[in-house]
Amino acid sequence: MNSDPANPDTIHNRLQELKEQNCEVVVFILNGVGEDIYKLIKYFGNQKLGIVTQCTDFVAIAKNIRSKKLDMYLQNLVQKFNAKLGGINGMVSLARALTSSSTKDDVFMFFGADVTHITCSREKPSIAAIVGSVDST
């Protein structure tokens, strides 16, 4: 008997099996499922079991294949994985920028931003923060 892949018990049980097999990352290619399934995947995977999950949409993949933008789409997907696993997707060389002769007399303002998604619920929404420098030192 095949179980319904969009059933909460099926999602939880399959993720539990993957956790027991020491799986660290799971990709879900979703096709025509509601936001409730997405939230269940994130809840069971990320919060309950500590497995990094990445959901993507079958229609988006198909659209990018047809438009020959699949490489870009997959690169963005891989960068999401990398960030979720603690990797670095890009770096800015401040030393080079600040010591360049073309920027020697320029004034700089630095900004940083981050978003944290604590849970997949309305009770605990995401938190966003932006910081910036305010003086010339």
N, C-alpha and C. Protein backbone atom coordinates (compact mmCIF):
# COMPACT_ATOMS: atom_id res chain seq x y z
N MET A 1 0.84 -1.18 0.00
CA MET A 1 0.00 0.00 0.00
C MET A 1 0.89 1.24 0.00
N ASN A 2 0.70 2.11 -0.96
CA ASN A 2 1.45 3.36 -1.03
C ASN A 2 0.80 4.39 -0.12
N SER A 3 1.62 5.07 0.63
CA SER A 3 1.08 6.12 1.49
C SER A 3 1.04 7.43 0.71
N ASP A 4 0.15 8.30 1.14
CA ASP A 4 -0.01 9.60 0.51
C ASP A 4 1.20 10.47 0.86
N PRO A 5 2.00 10.89 -0.14
CA PRO A 5 3.20 11.68 0.16
C PRO A 5 2.89 13.03 0.79
N ALA A 6 1.67 13.53 0.63
CA ALA A 6 1.30 14.83 1.20
C ALA A 6 0.62 14.69 2.56
N ASN A 7 0.68 13.52 3.15
CA ASN A 7 0.09 13.27 4.46
C ASN A 7 1.12 13.65 5.54
N PRO A 8 0.71 14.37 6.59
CA PRO A 8 1.66 14.76 7.64
C PRO A 8 2.43 13.58 8.24
N ASP A 9 1.75 12.47 8.48
CA ASP A 9 2.44 11.30 9.04
C ASP A 9 3.50 10.76 8.08
N THR A 10 3.17 10.75 6.80
CA THR A 10 4.13 10.27 5.80
C THR A 10 5.36 11.17 5.76
N ILE A 11 5.14 12.48 5.78
CA ILE A 11 6.26 13.43 5.76
C ILE A 11 7.14 13.22 6.99
N HIS A 12 6.53 13.16 8.15
CA HIS A 12 7.29 12.98 9.39
C HIS A 12 8.04 11.66 9.39
N ASN A 13 7.35 10.58 9.03
CA ASN A 13 7.98 9.25 9.06
C ASN A 13 9.15 9.16 8.08
N ARG A 14 8.98 9.70 6.89
CA ARG A 14 10.07 9.64 5.90
C ARG A 14 11.25 10.48 6.35
N LEU A 15 11.00 11.66 6.88
CA LEU A 15 12.10 12.48 7.39
C LEU A 15 12.79 11.80 8.57
N GLN A 16 12.02 11.13 9.41
CA GLN A 16 12.61 10.39 10.54
C GLN A 16 13.53 9.28 10.01
N GLU A 17 13.08 8.56 8.98
CA GLU A 17 13.92 7.51 8.37
C GLU A 17 15.22 8.10 7.83
N LEU A 18 15.12 9.24 7.16
CA LEU A 18 16.31 9.89 6.61
C LEU A 18 17.25 10.36 7.72
N LYS A 19 16.70 10.85 8.80
CA LYS A 19 17.51 11.25 9.96
C LYS A 19 18.27 10.05 10.52
N GLU A 20 17.59 8.91 10.63
CA GLU A 20 18.23 7.70 11.14
C GLU A 20 19.33 7.19 10.22
N GLN A 21 19.27 7.57 8.94
CA GLN A 21 20.30 7.21 7.97
C GLN A 21 21.39 8.28 7.90
N ASN A 22 21.39 9.20 8.87
CA ASN A 22 22.37 10.30 8.96
C ASN A 22 22.31 11.26 7.79
N CYS A 23 21.16 11.41 7.20
CA CYS A 23 20.97 12.36 6.11
C CYS A 23 20.96 13.77 6.71
N GLU A 24 21.70 14.68 6.09
CA GLU A 24 21.78 16.04 6.60
C GLU A 24 20.97 17.04 5.78
N VAL A 25 20.72 16.72 4.51
CA VAL A 25 20.06 17.63 3.60
C VAL A 25 19.02 16.86 2.79
N VAL A 26 17.83 17.44 2.64
CA VAL A 26 16.78 16.82 1.84
C VAL A 26 16.19 17.87 0.90
N VAL A 27 16.08 17.52 -0.38
CA VAL A 27 15.45 18.40 -1.37
C VAL A 27 14.06 17.86 -1.65
N PHE A 28 13.08 18.73 -1.57
CA PHE A 28 11.70 18.38 -1.91
C PHE A 28 11.33 19.12 -3.18
N ILE A 29 10.94 18.38 -4.20
CA ILE A 29 10.42 18.99 -5.42
C ILE A 29 8.90 18.87 -5.33
N LEU A 30 8.26 19.99 -5.07
CA LEU A 30 6.82 20.01 -4.83
C LEU A 30 6.06 20.33 -6.11
N ASN A 31 4.94 19.66 -6.28
CA ASN A 31 4.13 19.88 -7.48
C ASN A 31 2.66 19.97 -7.08
N GLY A 32 2.16 21.18 -7.06
CA GLY A 32 0.74 21.38 -6.81
C GLY A 32 0.29 21.13 -5.38
N VAL A 33 1.19 21.28 -4.42
CA VAL A 33 0.78 21.12 -3.02
C VAL A 33 0.62 22.50 -2.40
N GLY A 34 -0.14 22.56 -1.35
CA GLY A 34 -0.40 23.83 -0.68
C GLY A 34 0.71 24.23 0.27
N GLU A 35 0.55 25.44 0.78
CA GLU A 35 1.53 25.98 1.73
C GLU A 35 1.58 25.15 3.01
N ASP A 36 0.49 24.48 3.35
CA ASP A 36 0.46 23.66 4.56
C ASP A 36 1.48 22.52 4.48
N ILE A 37 1.67 21.94 3.31
CA ILE A 37 2.66 20.87 3.14
C ILE A 37 4.07 21.43 3.28
N TYR A 38 4.31 22.58 2.68
CA TYR A 38 5.60 23.25 2.80
C TYR A 38 5.93 23.50 4.28
N LYS A 39 4.97 24.02 5.01
CA LYS A 39 5.18 24.31 6.43
C LYS A 39 5.45 23.04 7.23
N LEU A 40 4.76 21.95 6.90
CA LEU A 40 5.01 20.67 7.59
C LEU A 40 6.43 20.18 7.33
N ILE A 41 6.88 20.27 6.10
CA ILE A 41 8.24 19.85 5.76
C ILE A 41 9.25 20.66 6.57
N LYS A 42 9.08 21.96 6.61
CA LYS A 42 10.01 22.82 7.35
C LYS A 42 9.94 22.53 8.85
N TYR A 43 8.74 22.33 9.36
CA TYR A 43 8.57 22.08 10.79
C TYR A 43 9.23 20.76 11.19
N PHE A 44 8.88 19.68 10.51
CA PHE A 44 9.44 18.37 10.87
C PHE A 44 10.93 18.31 10.57
N GLY A 45 11.34 18.79 9.40
CA GLY A 45 12.74 18.69 9.02
C GLY A 45 13.64 19.61 9.81
N ASN A 46 13.41 20.89 9.70
CA ASN A 46 14.31 21.88 10.31
C ASN A 46 14.19 21.94 11.82
N GLN A 47 12.96 21.94 12.33
CA GLN A 47 12.77 22.18 13.76
C GLN A 47 12.79 20.92 14.60
N LYS A 48 12.05 19.93 14.20
CA LYS A 48 11.94 18.71 15.02
C LYS A 48 13.15 17.80 14.88
N LEU A 49 13.65 17.63 13.65
CA LEU A 49 14.68 16.62 13.41
C LEU A 49 16.06 17.19 13.09
N GLY A 50 16.15 18.48 12.84
CA GLY A 50 17.45 19.10 12.57
C GLY A 50 18.03 18.74 11.21
N ILE A 51 17.18 18.49 10.23
CA ILE A 51 17.64 18.20 8.87
C ILE A 51 17.43 19.46 8.03
N VAL A 52 18.43 19.85 7.27
CA VAL A 52 18.29 20.99 6.38
C VAL A 52 17.38 20.58 5.23
N THR A 53 16.32 21.34 5.03
CA THR A 53 15.39 21.05 3.94
C THR A 53 15.37 22.19 2.95
N GLN A 54 15.24 21.85 1.69
CA GLN A 54 15.09 22.85 0.64
C GLN A 54 13.94 22.42 -0.25
N CYS A 55 12.93 23.26 -0.32
CA CYS A 55 11.78 22.98 -1.17
C CYS A 55 11.91 23.79 -2.46
N THR A 56 11.58 23.15 -3.55
CA THR A 56 11.55 23.84 -4.82
C THR A 56 10.31 23.38 -5.57
N ASP A 57 9.91 24.16 -6.53
CA ASP A 57 8.65 23.91 -7.24
C ASP A 57 8.92 23.27 -8.59
N PHE A 58 8.24 22.18 -8.88
CA PHE A 58 8.41 21.49 -10.15
C PHE A 58 8.14 22.41 -11.33
N VAL A 59 7.11 23.23 -11.23
CA VAL A 59 6.76 24.15 -12.32
C VAL A 59 7.90 25.13 -12.56
N ALA A 60 8.52 25.61 -11.48
CA ALA A 60 9.65 26.55 -11.62
C ALA A 60 10.83 25.88 -12.32
N ILE A 61 11.10 24.63 -11.97
CA ILE A 61 12.18 23.91 -12.63
C ILE A 61 11.88 23.74 -14.11
N ALA A 62 10.66 23.30 -14.42
CA ALA A 62 10.27 23.10 -15.82
C ALA A 62 10.34 24.40 -16.61
N LYS A 63 9.89 25.50 -16.00
CA LYS A 63 9.93 26.80 -16.66
C LYS A 63 11.37 27.21 -16.96
N ASN A 64 12.26 26.98 -16.01
CA ASN A 64 13.66 27.35 -16.20
C ASN A 64 14.36 26.46 -17.22
N ILE A 65 13.93 25.22 -17.33
CA ILE A 65 14.49 24.34 -18.37
C ILE A 65 14.08 24.88 -19.75
N ARG A 66 12.82 25.23 -19.88
CA ARG A 66 12.32 25.75 -21.17
C ARG A 66 12.97 27.07 -21.55
N SER A 67 13.25 27.92 -20.56
CA SER A 67 13.83 29.23 -20.86
C SER A 67 15.35 29.21 -20.86
N LYS A 68 15.93 28.02 -20.72
CA LYS A 68 17.40 27.84 -20.71
C LYS A 68 18.07 28.61 -19.58
N LYS A 69 17.36 28.75 -18.46
CA LYS A 69 17.93 29.43 -17.29
C LYS A 69 18.13 28.44 -16.15
N LEU A 70 18.16 27.16 -16.46
CA LEU A 70 18.26 26.15 -15.41
C LEU A 70 19.57 26.27 -14.63
N ASP A 71 20.68 26.58 -15.32
CA ASP A 71 21.96 26.72 -14.61
C ASP A 71 21.88 27.79 -13.53
N MET A 72 21.29 28.93 -13.86
CA MET A 72 21.15 30.02 -12.89
C MET A 72 20.23 29.60 -11.75
N TYR A 73 19.14 28.94 -12.09
CA TYR A 73 18.19 28.48 -11.07
C TYR A 73 18.87 27.51 -10.11
N LEU A 74 19.61 26.55 -10.65
CA LEU A 74 20.30 25.56 -9.81
C LEU A 74 21.41 26.20 -8.99
N GLN A 75 22.10 27.18 -9.56
CA GLN A 75 23.14 27.88 -8.81
C GLN A 75 22.53 28.59 -7.60
N ASN A 76 21.39 29.23 -7.78
CA ASN A 76 20.71 29.88 -6.66
C ASN A 76 20.28 28.86 -5.62
N LEU A 77 19.81 27.70 -6.07
CA LEU A 77 19.40 26.64 -5.16
C LEU A 77 20.59 26.13 -4.34
N VAL A 78 21.73 25.94 -5.00
CA VAL A 78 22.94 25.48 -4.32
C VAL A 78 23.42 26.52 -3.32
N GLN A 79 23.31 27.80 -3.66
CA GLN A 79 23.72 28.85 -2.73
C GLN A 79 22.83 28.86 -1.49
N LYS A 80 21.56 28.54 -1.66
CA LYS A 80 20.67 28.43 -0.49
C LYS A 80 21.14 27.30 0.42
N PHE A 81 21.48 26.16 -0.19
CA PHE A 81 22.01 25.05 0.59
C PHE A 81 23.27 25.46 1.33
N ASN A 82 24.17 26.07 0.62
CA ASN A 82 25.44 26.46 1.20
C ASN A 82 25.23 27.38 2.41
N ALA A 83 24.36 28.36 2.27
CA ALA A 83 24.08 29.27 3.39
C ALA A 83 23.46 28.53 4.56
N LYS A 84 22.52 27.61 4.27
CA LYS A 84 21.87 26.86 5.34
C LYS A 84 22.84 25.93 6.07
N LEU A 85 23.89 25.51 5.38
CA LEU A 85 24.87 24.62 5.98
C LEU A 85 26.05 25.39 6.59
N GLY A 86 25.94 26.71 6.63
CA GLY A 86 26.97 27.53 7.28
C GLY A 86 28.08 27.97 6.35
N GLY A 87 27.91 27.79 5.05
CA GLY A 87 28.94 28.19 4.10
C GLY A 87 28.88 29.67 3.77
N ILE A 88 29.84 30.12 3.00
CA ILE A 88 29.93 31.52 2.59
C ILE A 88 29.76 31.57 1.08
N ASN A 89 28.80 32.34 0.61
CA ASN A 89 28.53 32.44 -0.83
C ASN A 89 29.30 33.55 -1.51
N GLY A 90 29.75 34.52 -0.78
CA GLY A 90 30.50 35.62 -1.38
C GLY A 90 31.22 36.41 -0.32
N MET A 91 32.33 37.01 -0.71
CA MET A 91 33.10 37.82 0.24
C MET A 91 33.50 39.13 -0.44
N VAL A 92 33.59 40.15 0.37
CA VAL A 92 34.04 41.45 -0.11
C VAL A 92 35.41 41.70 0.49
N SER A 93 36.36 42.08 -0.34
CA SER A 93 37.69 42.40 0.15
C SER A 93 37.72 43.87 0.56
N LEU A 94 37.46 44.11 1.85
CA LEU A 94 37.45 45.49 2.33
C LEU A 94 38.84 46.11 2.29
N ALA A 95 39.86 45.32 2.58
CA ALA A 95 41.22 45.86 2.57
C ALA A 95 41.55 46.43 1.20
N ARG A 96 41.24 45.70 0.15
CA ARG A 96 41.52 46.18 -1.20
C ARG A 96 40.69 47.41 -1.52
N ALA A 97 39.43 47.39 -1.14
CA ALA A 97 38.55 48.52 -1.44
C ALA A 97 38.98 49.78 -0.70
N LEU A 98 39.39 49.63 0.56
CA LEU A 98 39.73 50.80 1.37
C LEU A 98 41.12 51.34 1.09
N THR A 99 42.01 50.53 0.53
CA THR A 99 43.37 51.00 0.26
C THR A 99 43.59 51.34 -1.21
N SER A 100 42.59 51.17 -2.02
CA SER A 100 42.71 51.49 -3.44
C SER A 100 42.91 52.99 -3.61
N SER A 101 43.80 53.36 -4.53
CA SER A 101 44.07 54.79 -4.75
C SER A 101 42.82 55.52 -5.24
N SER A 102 41.94 54.82 -5.92
CA SER A 102 40.74 55.48 -6.43
C SER A 102 39.73 55.77 -5.34
N THR A 103 39.85 55.13 -4.17
CA THR A 103 38.89 55.35 -3.08
C THR A 103 39.53 55.99 -1.86
N LYS A 104 40.78 56.40 -1.97
CA LYS A 104 41.53 56.91 -0.82
C LYS A 104 40.84 58.08 -0.12
N ASP A 105 40.26 58.99 -0.86
CA ASP A 105 39.62 60.17 -0.26
C ASP A 105 38.11 60.02 -0.11
N ASP A 106 37.59 58.86 -0.43
CA ASP A 106 36.14 58.65 -0.33
C ASP A 106 35.73 58.37 1.12
N VAL A 107 34.49 58.66 1.42
CA VAL A 107 33.91 58.35 2.72
C VAL A 107 32.98 57.16 2.52
N PHE A 108 33.03 56.21 3.45
CA PHE A 108 32.24 54.99 3.32
C PHE A 108 31.23 54.87 4.44
N MET A 109 30.11 54.28 4.12
CA MET A 109 29.13 53.88 5.12
C MET A 109 28.90 52.39 4.92
N PHE A 110 29.01 51.62 6.00
CA PHE A 110 28.85 50.18 5.91
C PHE A 110 27.49 49.77 6.45
N PHE A 111 26.86 48.83 5.77
CA PHE A 111 25.57 48.29 6.17
C PHE A 111 25.67 46.78 6.29
N GLY A 112 24.88 46.26 7.20
CA GLY A 112 24.73 44.81 7.31
C GLY A 112 23.27 44.50 7.53
N ALA A 113 22.82 43.37 7.00
CA ALA A 113 21.42 42.99 7.15
C ALA A 113 21.32 41.48 7.34
N ASP A 114 20.30 41.06 8.06
CA ASP A 114 20.07 39.64 8.27
C ASP A 114 18.59 39.40 8.54
N VAL A 115 18.14 38.21 8.20
CA VAL A 115 16.78 37.78 8.49
C VAL A 115 16.86 36.41 9.14
N THR A 116 16.14 36.23 10.24
CA THR A 116 16.08 34.95 10.92
C THR A 116 14.64 34.45 10.91
N HIS A 117 14.48 33.21 10.49
CA HIS A 117 13.16 32.58 10.46
C HIS A 117 13.11 31.58 11.61
N ILE A 118 12.56 31.99 12.74
CA ILE A 118 12.55 31.16 13.94
C ILE A 118 11.65 29.94 13.75
N THR A 119 10.44 30.17 13.34
CA THR A 119 9.50 29.06 13.13
C THR A 119 8.68 29.32 11.89
N CYS A 120 7.92 28.35 11.52
CA CYS A 120 7.01 28.49 10.37
C CYS A 120 5.61 28.75 10.88
N SER A 121 5.43 29.80 11.66
CA SER A 121 4.09 30.08 12.18
C SER A 121 3.87 31.58 12.29
N ARG A 122 2.61 31.94 12.41
CA ARG A 122 2.27 33.35 12.57
C ARG A 122 2.54 33.83 13.99
N GLU A 123 2.60 32.91 14.95
CA GLU A 123 2.83 33.29 16.34
C GLU A 123 4.25 33.82 16.54
N LYS A 124 5.20 33.30 15.80
CA LYS A 124 6.59 33.75 15.90
C LYS A 124 7.09 34.12 14.50
N PRO A 125 6.85 35.36 14.09
CA PRO A 125 7.24 35.76 12.73
C PRO A 125 8.76 35.89 12.58
N SER A 126 9.20 36.02 11.36
CA SER A 126 10.61 36.22 11.07
C SER A 126 11.08 37.55 11.67
N ILE A 127 12.37 37.63 11.95
CA ILE A 127 12.97 38.84 12.50
C ILE A 127 13.99 39.35 11.49
N ALA A 128 13.89 40.63 11.14
CA ALA A 128 14.83 41.25 10.21
C ALA A 128 15.53 42.40 10.92
N ALA A 129 16.81 42.59 10.60
CA ALA A 129 17.58 43.67 11.21
C ALA A 129 18.54 44.26 10.19
N ILE A 130 18.75 45.57 10.29
CA ILE A 130 19.73 46.26 9.45
C ILE A 130 20.55 47.15 10.37
N VAL A 131 21.86 47.14 10.19
CA VAL A 131 22.74 48.00 10.96
C VAL A 131 23.63 48.77 9.99
N GLY A 132 24.11 49.93 10.44
CA GLY A 132 24.97 50.72 9.58
C GLY A 132 25.89 51.61 10.39
N SER A 133 26.99 52.01 9.78
CA SER A 133 27.93 52.91 10.46
C SER A 133 27.38 54.34 10.40
N VAL A 134 27.75 55.15 11.40
CA VAL A 134 27.23 56.52 11.43
C VAL A 134 28.32 57.58 11.56
N ASP A 135 29.57 57.16 11.72
CA ASP A 135 30.63 58.17 11.82
C ASP A 135 31.79 57.81 10.90
N SER A 136 32.76 58.68 10.81
CA SER A 136 33.85 58.50 9.86
C SER A 136 35.01 57.67 10.40
N THR A 137 34.92 57.14 11.61
CA THR A 137 36.04 56.37 12.15
C THR A 137 35.90 54.89 11.88
